[in-house]
Amino acid sequence: MPQFSFEKISTANRDTVYKVFSDFENYQKISPKFFPSIRIRSIRDNIAVVEEHLILGDDELVVMAKHVTDEPVLHDVFIIGGDAKGSHIQEQFIETPQGTKILVDVDLKLKGKMKFGGMFSKNRYQENYEEILDNFIKITEN
């Protein structure tokens, strides 16, 4: 299954970066190309369960995601149902003199026909996920 890690740099401060990256309630507004639909199912303290449609490459994933936040350091996304059940995405935010370093680890566990496509398209998934985060970074820097 596709597993990848990368880092990004934003000139914005960590609090600003964290707020944009962990604002799953507004993903559909700030990045409709990749998140055509978001529906909040429940929020309790720092844990939210969200139904998401995510466009990654040529695939549309319909998932139930559990977002766990540790402000302003960590945003974990656990896929608890749907096309990528068992997947985990972790975003760490490290304050630097130049702004914020974002460390991202993605472990995709795709189901059905996507499982076979995923074996051959790891780079495409990584490129698309990086594009999503680049969009978030642009928002933090404006």
Protein backbone atom coordinates (compact mmCIF):
# COMPACT_ATOMS: atom_id res chain seq x y z
CA MET A 1 0.00 0.00 0.00
CA PRO A 2 1.15 3.57 -0.58
CA GLN A 3 3.26 4.93 2.26
CA PHE A 4 5.13 8.18 1.99
CA SER A 5 6.60 10.98 4.07
CA PHE A 6 7.61 14.51 3.18
CA GLU A 7 8.12 17.91 4.73
CA LYS A 8 6.95 21.37 3.78
CA ILE A 9 7.98 24.81 4.96
CA SER A 10 5.69 27.78 5.51
CA THR A 11 6.82 31.29 6.36
CA ALA A 12 3.71 31.67 8.54
CA ASN A 13 3.88 31.10 12.29
CA ARG A 14 2.97 27.72 13.73
CA ASP A 15 -0.39 28.78 15.19
CA THR A 16 -1.59 30.08 11.82
CA VAL A 17 -0.39 26.97 9.97
CA TYR A 18 -1.96 24.68 12.53
CA LYS A 19 -5.31 26.49 12.34
CA VAL A 20 -5.53 26.09 8.55
CA PHE A 21 -4.32 22.48 8.43
CA SER A 22 -6.59 21.30 11.23
CA ASP A 23 -9.66 23.25 10.08
CA PHE A 24 -11.33 20.17 8.55
CA GLU A 25 -14.73 21.87 8.91
CA ASN A 26 -13.72 24.26 6.11
CA TYR A 27 -11.76 21.91 3.82
CA GLN A 28 -14.61 21.98 1.31
CA LYS A 29 -14.49 25.80 1.20
CA ILE A 30 -10.72 26.24 1.08
CA SER A 31 -9.93 23.28 -1.17
CA PRO A 32 -13.06 22.20 -3.11
CA LYS A 33 -10.96 20.60 -5.87
CA PHE A 34 -9.81 17.95 -3.39
CA PHE A 35 -12.67 17.95 -0.86
CA PRO A 36 -16.00 18.14 -2.75
CA SER A 37 -17.97 17.19 0.36
CA ILE A 38 -17.40 17.32 4.12
CA ARG A 39 -19.99 16.45 6.75
CA ILE A 40 -19.24 16.69 10.47
CA ARG A 41 -20.70 13.74 12.35
CA SER A 42 -19.53 14.60 15.89
CA ILE A 43 -17.05 16.77 17.77
CA ARG A 44 -15.94 16.18 21.35
CA ASP A 45 -13.02 18.13 22.76
CA ASN A 46 -10.07 17.47 20.44
CA ILE A 47 -11.65 14.55 18.53
CA ALA A 48 -14.00 14.85 15.56
CA VAL A 49 -15.59 12.26 13.31
CA VAL A 50 -16.06 13.54 9.77
CA GLU A 51 -17.51 12.05 6.59
CA GLU A 52 -15.23 13.16 3.75
CA HIS A 53 -15.08 12.84 -0.01
CA LEU A 54 -11.43 13.21 -0.97
CA ILE A 55 -10.14 13.41 -4.54
CA LEU A 56 -6.67 11.90 -4.70
CA GLY A 57 -5.32 11.49 -8.20
CA ASP A 58 -8.06 10.04 -10.37
CA ASP A 59 -9.73 8.39 -7.38
CA GLU A 60 -12.55 9.72 -5.23
CA LEU A 61 -12.35 8.27 -1.76
CA VAL A 62 -15.39 8.29 0.47
CA VAL A 63 -14.23 7.88 4.05
CA MET A 64 -15.19 8.31 7.66
CA ALA A 65 -12.25 10.04 9.34
CA LYS A 66 -11.42 10.61 12.98
CA HIS A 67 -9.44 13.85 13.40
CA VAL A 68 -7.41 14.05 16.61
CA THR A 69 -5.69 17.33 17.37
CA ASP A 70 -3.03 18.43 19.84
CA GLU A 71 -2.88 22.18 19.30
CA PRO A 72 -0.58 23.55 17.89
CA VAL A 73 1.72 20.58 17.42
CA LEU A 74 -0.12 17.64 15.90
CA HIS A 75 -3.03 16.75 13.61
CA ASP A 76 -3.75 13.03 13.23
CA VAL A 77 -6.32 11.62 10.82
CA PHE A 78 -7.40 8.02 11.30
CA ILE A 79 -9.63 6.58 8.57
CA ILE A 80 -12.18 4.50 10.46
CA GLY A 81 -14.46 3.57 7.56
CA GLY A 82 -14.88 3.62 3.81
CA ASP A 83 -12.53 3.23 0.85
CA ALA A 84 -9.33 3.73 2.86
CA LYS A 85 -10.26 2.18 6.22
CA GLY A 86 -7.19 1.66 8.39
CA SER A 87 -5.23 4.54 6.83
CA HIS A 88 -3.40 7.07 8.98
CA ILE A 89 -2.14 10.56 8.20
CA GLN A 90 -0.05 12.51 10.66
CA GLU A 91 0.93 16.16 10.37
CA GLN A 92 3.43 17.63 12.84
CA PHE A 93 4.07 21.36 13.10
CA ILE A 94 7.51 22.50 14.25
CA GLU A 95 8.24 26.15 14.91
CA THR A 96 11.42 27.41 13.23
CA PRO A 97 13.05 30.86 13.00
CA GLN A 98 11.84 31.05 9.36
CA GLY A 99 8.26 29.98 10.11
CA THR A 100 6.90 26.46 10.41
CA LYS A 101 8.16 23.07 9.28
CA ILE A 102 5.38 20.61 8.51
CA LEU A 103 6.26 16.91 8.72
CA VAL A 104 3.77 14.61 7.04
CA ASP A 105 3.52 10.81 7.24
CA VAL A 106 0.87 9.04 5.17
CA ASP A 107 -0.01 5.35 5.32
CA LEU A 108 -2.82 4.64 2.84
CA LYS A 109 -4.66 1.35 3.03
CA LEU A 110 -6.91 1.25 0.00
CA LYS A 111 -9.80 -1.15 -0.57
CA GLY A 112 -11.14 -3.03 -3.58
CA LYS A 113 -10.09 -1.95 -7.05
CA MET A 114 -8.21 1.03 -5.61
CA LYS A 115 -5.91 -1.40 -3.82
CA PHE A 116 -4.50 -2.63 -7.13
CA GLY A 117 -4.22 0.86 -8.59
CA GLY A 118 -2.49 2.04 -5.43
CA MET A 119 0.38 -0.37 -5.99
CA PHE A 120 1.28 1.47 -9.18
CA SER A 121 0.37 5.03 -8.28
CA LYS A 122 2.19 5.79 -5.01
CA ASN A 123 3.94 8.77 -6.59
CA ARG A 124 0.67 10.11 -7.98
CA TYR A 125 -0.98 9.93 -4.55
CA GLN A 126 2.00 11.64 -2.95
CA GLU A 127 2.06 14.38 -5.60
CA ASN A 128 -1.66 15.01 -5.16
CA TYR A 129 -1.45 15.05 -1.37
CA GLU A 130 1.47 17.47 -1.55
CA GLU A 131 -0.64 19.66 -3.87
CA ILE A 132 -3.38 19.76 -1.22
CA LEU A 133 -0.88 20.85 1.41
CA ASP A 134 0.72 23.41 -0.93
CA ASN A 135 -2.74 24.93 -1.28
CA PHE A 136 -3.07 25.07 2.52
CA ILE A 137 0.36 26.70 2.79
CA LYS A 138 -0.65 29.41 0.29
CA ILE A 139 -3.62 30.18 2.50
CA THR A 140 -1.41 30.45 5.61
CA GLU A 141 0.95 32.86 3.88
CA ASN A 142 -1.72 35.27 2.58
